[in-house]
Amino acid sequence: LGAASPGARAAAAPWARFSAWLECVCVVTFDLELGQALELVYPSDFRLTDKEKSSICYLSFPDSHSGCLGDTQFSFRIRQCSGQRSPWHAEDRHYNSGAPMSLQREPAHYFGYVYFRQVKDSSVKRGYFQKSLVLVSRLPFVRLFQALLSLIAPEYFSKPAPCLEAVCSEIDEWPAPVPGQTLNLPVMGVVLQVHIPSRVDKPEYSPPKPCSHENLLPAPVILSSVHELDLFRCFQPVLTHVQTLWELMLLGEPLVVLAPSPAVSSELVLALISCLQPLKFCCDYRPYFTIHDSEFKEFTTRTQA
């Protein structure tokens, strides 16, 4: 219908600071007739293609008939249909010029950070409340966005619309991520203090302690890293094979991770990617992947030349 290119917001949209961190926030629910369905995209003027919407819906729910109740966090990565956001802002280029290669903003992929909840609910025809809150970003800041979701999602599931609008407005007040800077990010009465890694950071760098003159109330929650996972915990089940796995990653060999949950698979895949730092893993990867993925056939029918 003559719409603007997918993934691009109107130039006058008032979400410039928000888009420095996130592309959009999605809510995926389970519909008895449709299955996983996109209930909400915020900001509402953010455009996703039908293919991107379908991928987000399928990848936002665990792909199993597990009766496990409660909350689960995991992440995924999908290819953007249009290949690259249009326009590619000067702020994006400035961030990438100072960030480590492995933490640069993705030009052609979206990361999805998911908080999935499944609980019994007699008021629902299916008997269960099943819903996911998804943060869509181009930044590989898994630790930061998991921490953000752990604050937002429980509140959102009890007070949907007002909570989400308020949180997005707060994020729209955040300073842009600048490599080398330590930032205070207020959200829902909590201040997250993060250091944005720079390519000139020394390996032994540790984030500074909050200065007393900042007078931040409440005291900030200091995240030791925006992206680093607990590698020992991630690799514990395969610890004896770590060197072989590292060699496979270094050589860019195909590798499939089979796991009991998307939380385990996504963390292990991201841990494998991080093993190469400060080098960037230049092959394609998917922290969570299902047979319903639009690219499943492409990956499973490739043959080696």
Protein backbone atom coordinates (compact mmCIF):
# COMPACT_ATOMS: atom_id res chain seq x y z
CA LEU A 1 0.00 0.00 0.00
CA GLY A 2 2.91 2.31 -0.57
CA ALA A 3 4.14 2.15 3.02
CA ALA A 4 7.63 3.26 4.04
CA SER A 5 10.41 0.69 4.09
CA PRO A 6 9.93 -1.97 6.81
CA GLY A 7 11.61 -1.28 10.13
CA ALA A 8 11.80 2.47 9.47
CA ARG A 9 9.91 5.01 11.53
CA ALA A 10 8.81 8.36 10.29
CA ALA A 11 11.57 10.96 10.57
CA ALA A 12 9.48 13.09 12.92
CA ALA A 13 8.72 10.26 15.34
CA PRO A 14 9.40 11.33 18.93
CA TRP A 15 11.31 8.19 19.87
CA ALA A 16 14.89 9.11 18.96
CA ARG A 17 16.37 8.28 22.39
CA PHE A 18 14.25 5.15 22.73
CA SER A 19 15.48 3.86 19.36
CA ALA A 20 19.09 4.28 20.49
CA TRP A 21 18.41 1.28 22.76
CA LEU A 22 15.37 -0.54 21.37
CA GLU A 23 13.58 -0.83 18.06
CA CYS A 24 10.25 -1.74 19.62
CA VAL A 25 8.53 -3.73 22.35
CA CYS A 26 6.25 -6.61 21.35
CA VAL A 27 3.64 -8.56 23.27
CA VAL A 28 2.95 -12.08 22.00
CA THR A 29 -0.01 -14.05 23.28
CA PHE A 30 -1.60 -17.42 22.53
CA ASP A 31 -4.79 -17.32 20.48
CA LEU A 32 -6.92 -20.49 20.42
CA GLU A 33 -7.57 -20.08 16.70
CA LEU A 34 -4.30 -18.57 15.50
CA GLY A 35 -1.75 -19.96 17.92
CA GLN A 36 0.97 -17.45 18.80
CA ALA A 37 -0.26 -13.99 17.84
CA LEU A 38 1.21 -10.51 18.02
CA GLU A 39 -1.00 -8.60 20.43
CA LEU A 40 0.87 -5.32 20.56
CA VAL A 41 3.83 -3.46 19.04
CA TYR A 42 5.01 -0.31 20.78
CA PRO A 43 5.69 2.35 19.59
CA SER A 44 2.71 1.72 17.38
CA ASP A 45 4.29 3.40 14.33
CA PHE A 46 7.18 0.93 14.18
CA ARG A 47 6.82 -1.23 11.08
CA LEU A 48 7.56 -4.93 10.93
CA THR A 49 7.01 -7.07 7.84
CA ASP A 50 4.63 -10.02 8.02
CA LYS A 51 7.64 -12.35 7.88
CA GLU A 52 9.29 -10.57 10.81
CA LYS A 53 6.05 -10.65 12.80
CA SER A 54 5.69 -14.38 12.17
CA SER A 55 9.29 -15.04 13.25
CA ILE A 56 8.87 -13.01 16.44
CA CYS A 57 5.65 -14.84 17.30
CA TYR A 58 7.12 -18.33 16.86
CA LEU A 59 10.40 -17.52 18.60
CA SER A 60 8.78 -15.84 21.60
CA PHE A 61 7.28 -19.10 22.94
CA PRO A 62 9.10 -22.28 23.95
CA ASP A 63 8.68 -24.79 21.12
CA SER A 64 7.41 -27.71 23.19
CA HIS A 65 4.40 -29.05 25.06
CA SER A 66 6.20 -28.58 28.35
CA GLY A 67 3.94 -28.33 31.36
CA CYS A 68 6.56 -26.25 33.16
CA LEU A 69 4.86 -23.31 34.82
CA GLY A 70 6.35 -19.97 35.73
CA ASP A 71 8.60 -17.45 34.05
CA THR A 72 11.35 -18.06 31.50
CA GLN A 73 13.85 -15.66 29.92
CA PHE A 74 15.69 -16.30 26.68
CA SER A 75 16.77 -14.56 23.50
CA PHE A 76 16.68 -14.99 19.73
CA ARG A 77 18.11 -13.33 16.63
CA ILE A 78 16.36 -12.88 13.30
CA ARG A 79 17.32 -11.45 9.95
CA GLN A 80 15.65 -8.19 9.03
CA CYS A 81 13.80 -8.57 5.75
CA SER A 82 14.86 -5.23 4.36
CA GLY A 83 18.52 -6.03 5.08
CA GLN A 84 19.35 -2.73 6.75
CA ARG A 85 17.50 -0.05 8.65
CA SER A 86 16.79 3.03 6.65
CA PRO A 87 18.19 5.50 7.43
CA TRP A 88 21.35 4.30 9.21
CA HIS A 89 21.72 7.19 11.66
CA ALA A 90 24.93 9.08 12.39
CA GLU A 91 24.53 8.05 16.06
CA ASP A 92 24.65 4.40 15.02
CA ARG A 93 27.88 4.92 13.11
CA HIS A 94 29.35 6.87 16.02
CA TYR A 95 28.49 4.06 18.46
CA ASN A 96 29.93 1.36 16.19
CA SER A 97 33.15 3.32 15.67
CA GLY A 98 33.88 3.22 19.40
CA ALA A 99 32.37 -0.13 20.42
CA PRO A 100 34.21 -3.48 20.38
CA MET A 101 33.52 -5.32 17.13
CA SER A 102 31.60 -8.04 18.96
CA LEU A 103 29.23 -5.48 20.53
CA GLN A 104 28.51 -3.30 17.53
CA ARG A 105 24.95 -2.51 16.57
CA GLU A 106 23.63 -5.06 14.06
CA PRO A 107 22.78 -3.48 10.68
CA ALA A 108 20.71 -6.38 9.32
CA HIS A 109 19.46 -8.40 12.30
CA TYR A 110 17.15 -7.94 15.26
CA PHE A 111 17.81 -9.40 18.68
CA GLY A 112 14.73 -10.45 20.61
CA TYR A 113 14.92 -10.59 24.42
CA VAL A 114 11.99 -12.58 25.78
CA TYR A 115 10.22 -12.86 29.12
CA PHE A 116 7.69 -15.70 28.81
CA ARG A 117 5.07 -16.48 31.45
CA GLN A 118 2.87 -19.58 31.67
CA VAL A 119 0.57 -19.98 34.66
CA LYS A 120 -2.73 -21.72 35.29
CA ASP A 121 -5.70 -19.43 34.79
CA SER A 122 -9.25 -20.74 35.01
CA SER A 123 -10.61 -17.58 33.38
CA VAL A 124 -8.88 -18.53 30.11
CA LYS A 125 -10.57 -21.14 27.93
CA ARG A 126 -7.34 -23.08 27.43
CA GLY A 127 -6.73 -23.10 31.19
CA TYR A 128 -3.41 -21.30 31.03
CA PHE A 129 -2.19 -17.72 30.82
CA GLN A 130 0.57 -17.71 28.17
CA LYS A 131 2.20 -14.48 27.13
CA SER A 132 5.62 -13.09 26.22
CA LEU A 133 7.02 -9.61 26.54
CA VAL A 134 9.74 -9.09 23.93
CA LEU A 135 12.33 -6.31 23.65
CA VAL A 136 13.54 -5.97 20.05
CA SER A 137 16.94 -4.33 19.68
CA ARG A 138 20.00 -4.20 17.46
CA LEU A 139 22.31 -4.22 20.48
CA PRO A 140 23.72 -7.53 21.84
CA PHE A 141 23.28 -6.39 25.46
CA VAL A 142 21.78 -9.60 26.81
CA ARG A 143 22.55 -8.92 30.50
CA LEU A 144 21.12 -5.40 30.41
CA PHE A 145 17.91 -6.35 28.63
CA GLN A 146 17.36 -9.41 30.82
CA ALA A 147 17.67 -7.18 33.88
CA LEU A 148 15.28 -4.68 32.31
CA LEU A 149 12.74 -7.41 31.52
CA SER A 150 12.89 -8.76 35.07
CA LEU A 151 11.73 -5.32 36.23
CA ILE A 152 9.16 -4.64 33.52
CA ALA A 153 7.47 -7.97 32.78
CA PRO A 154 6.04 -8.93 36.21
CA GLU A 155 4.53 -5.46 36.49
CA TYR A 156 3.25 -5.51 32.91
CA PHE A 157 1.48 -8.84 33.32
CA SER A 158 -0.54 -7.33 36.17
CA LYS A 159 -1.08 -3.82 34.71
CA PRO A 160 -0.60 -4.05 30.93
CA ALA A 161 -1.04 -0.84 28.98
CA PRO A 162 -0.21 1.96 31.46
CA CYS A 163 2.95 0.17 32.58
CA LEU A 164 4.31 -0.38 29.08
CA GLU A 165 3.67 3.19 27.95
CA ALA A 166 5.31 4.57 31.08
CA VAL A 167 8.39 2.35 30.69
CA CYS A 168 8.85 3.27 27.02
CA SER A 169 8.58 6.95 27.92
CA GLU A 170 11.25 6.48 30.59
CA ILE A 171 13.58 4.72 28.14
CA ASP A 172 13.00 7.62 25.74
CA GLU A 173 14.64 9.83 28.39
CA TRP A 174 17.79 7.69 28.67
CA PRO A 175 21.08 9.05 27.35
CA ALA A 176 22.34 7.30 24.23
CA PRO A 177 24.81 4.42 24.70
CA VAL A 178 28.27 5.89 24.24
CA PRO A 179 31.26 3.51 24.34
CA GLY A 180 33.45 4.14 27.37
CA GLN A 181 30.78 5.90 29.41
CA THR A 182 29.08 4.80 32.62
CA LEU A 183 25.37 5.63 32.48
CA ASN A 184 22.52 5.76 34.98
CA LEU A 185 19.30 4.44 33.44
CA PRO A 186 16.16 5.06 35.54
CA VAL A 187 13.18 2.77 35.05
CA MET A 188 10.22 1.95 37.30
CA GLY A 189 11.76 3.52 40.38
CA VAL A 190 15.08 1.70 39.91
CA VAL A 191 18.32 3.12 38.52
CA LEU A 192 20.39 0.67 36.48
CA GLN A 193 24.03 1.71 36.33
CA VAL A 194 25.90 0.28 33.34
CA HIS A 195 29.23 0.75 31.64
CA ILE A 196 29.12 0.74 27.85
CA PRO A 197 32.22 -1.17 26.69
CA SER A 198 34.71 0.60 24.47
CA ARG A 199 37.25 -0.90 22.08
CA VAL A 200 39.99 0.85 24.11
CA ASP A 201 38.91 -0.70 27.44
CA LYS A 202 41.60 -2.82 29.05
CA PRO A 203 40.75 -6.50 29.71
CA GLU A 204 41.00 -6.00 33.48
CA TYR A 205 38.59 -3.04 33.42
CA SER A 206 35.96 -3.05 36.13
CA PRO A 207 33.03 -0.61 36.25
CA PRO A 208 33.53 2.28 38.69
CA LYS A 209 31.62 2.40 41.93
CA PRO A 210 28.87 5.02 42.11
CA CYS A 211 30.14 8.42 43.21
CA SER A 212 28.71 9.74 46.44
CA HIS A 213 28.14 13.19 44.98
CA GLU A 214 25.63 11.83 42.48
CA ASN A 215 23.05 11.61 45.27
CA LEU A 216 21.07 8.99 43.42
CA LEU A 217 17.96 7.87 45.27
CA PRO A 218 17.43 5.01 45.35
CA ALA A 219 20.97 3.69 45.16
CA PRO A 220 21.69 2.39 41.65
CA VAL A 221 21.67 -1.29 40.78
CA ILE A 222 25.12 -1.81 39.29
CA LEU A 223 25.32 -4.29 36.41
CA SER A 224 28.85 -5.65 36.15
CA SER A 225 28.39 -6.03 32.40
CA VAL A 226 25.80 -5.27 29.73
CA HIS A 227 26.59 -8.45 27.82
CA GLU A 228 28.77 -11.00 29.64
CA LEU A 229 27.22 -14.30 30.74
CA ASP A 230 28.42 -16.70 33.40
CA LEU A 231 30.52 -18.82 31.07
CA PHE A 232 31.25 -21.55 33.60
CA ARG A 233 27.55 -22.04 34.28
CA CYS A 234 26.74 -22.04 30.56
CA PHE A 235 29.49 -24.54 29.69
CA GLN A 236 29.18 -26.76 32.75
CA PRO A 237 27.32 -29.58 30.91
CA VAL A 238 29.95 -29.63 28.13
CA LEU A 239 33.01 -28.48 30.04
CA THR A 240 35.26 -31.31 28.80
CA HIS A 241 34.55 -30.29 25.19
CA VAL A 242 35.12 -26.54 25.54
CA GLN A 243 38.39 -26.46 23.60
CA THR A 244 36.90 -28.44 20.72
CA LEU A 245 33.86 -26.15 20.68
CA TRP A 246 36.13 -23.07 20.67
CA GLU A 247 38.05 -24.48 17.70
CA LEU A 248 34.81 -25.12 15.79
CA MET A 249 33.71 -21.53 16.45
CA LEU A 250 37.08 -20.15 15.37
CA LEU A 251 36.93 -22.12 12.11
CA GLY A 252 33.30 -21.18 11.45
CA GLU A 253 32.19 -24.80 11.32
CA PRO A 254 28.44 -25.60 11.50
CA LEU A 255 27.28 -26.40 15.02
CA VAL A 256 23.84 -27.34 16.36
CA VAL A 257 22.92 -26.96 20.02
CA LEU A 258 20.13 -29.24 21.25
CA ALA A 259 18.79 -28.13 24.62
CA PRO A 260 15.79 -28.81 26.88
CA SER A 261 14.68 -25.17 26.82
CA PRO A 262 15.20 -21.95 24.86
CA ALA A 263 16.85 -20.44 27.95
CA VAL A 264 19.60 -23.09 27.89
CA SER A 265 20.09 -23.02 24.12
CA SER A 266 20.19 -19.22 23.81
CA GLU A 267 22.66 -18.78 26.67
CA LEU A 268 24.94 -21.54 25.37
CA VAL A 269 24.97 -20.15 21.84
CA LEU A 270 25.74 -16.64 23.12
CA ALA A 271 28.45 -18.08 25.37
CA LEU A 272 30.02 -19.82 22.37
CA ILE A 273 29.96 -16.56 20.41
CA SER A 274 31.56 -14.67 23.29
CA CYS A 275 34.47 -17.14 23.46
CA LEU A 276 35.99 -15.45 20.43
CA GLN A 277 36.07 -11.95 21.91
CA PRO A 278 37.60 -9.53 21.14
CA LEU A 279 37.18 -11.10 17.70
CA LYS A 280 33.73 -10.91 16.14
CA PHE A 281 31.98 -14.10 15.09
CA CYS A 282 31.31 -13.35 11.44
CA CYS A 283 29.10 -16.33 10.59
CA ASP A 284 25.34 -16.42 11.07
CA TYR A 285 23.97 -17.72 14.35
CA ARG A 286 20.64 -18.26 16.07
CA PRO A 287 20.45 -18.42 19.90
CA TYR A 288 17.04 -20.09 19.57
CA PHE A 289 15.72 -21.78 16.46
CA THR A 290 12.63 -23.83 15.68
CA ILE A 291 11.25 -25.73 12.69
CA HIS A 292 8.66 -22.96 12.30
CA ASP A 293 11.36 -20.37 11.61
CA SER A 294 11.02 -18.79 8.17
CA GLU A 295 14.69 -19.58 7.50
CA PHE A 296 14.58 -23.20 8.71
CA LYS A 297 14.50 -24.62 5.18
CA GLU A 298 17.35 -22.35 4.09
CA PHE A 299 19.62 -23.58 6.86
CA THR A 300 18.72 -27.27 6.64
CA THR A 301 19.10 -27.57 2.85
CA ARG A 302 22.47 -25.88 2.51
CA THR A 303 25.18 -28.07 1.04
CA GLN A 304 28.91 -27.61 1.38
CA ALA A 305 30.61 -26.45 -1.79
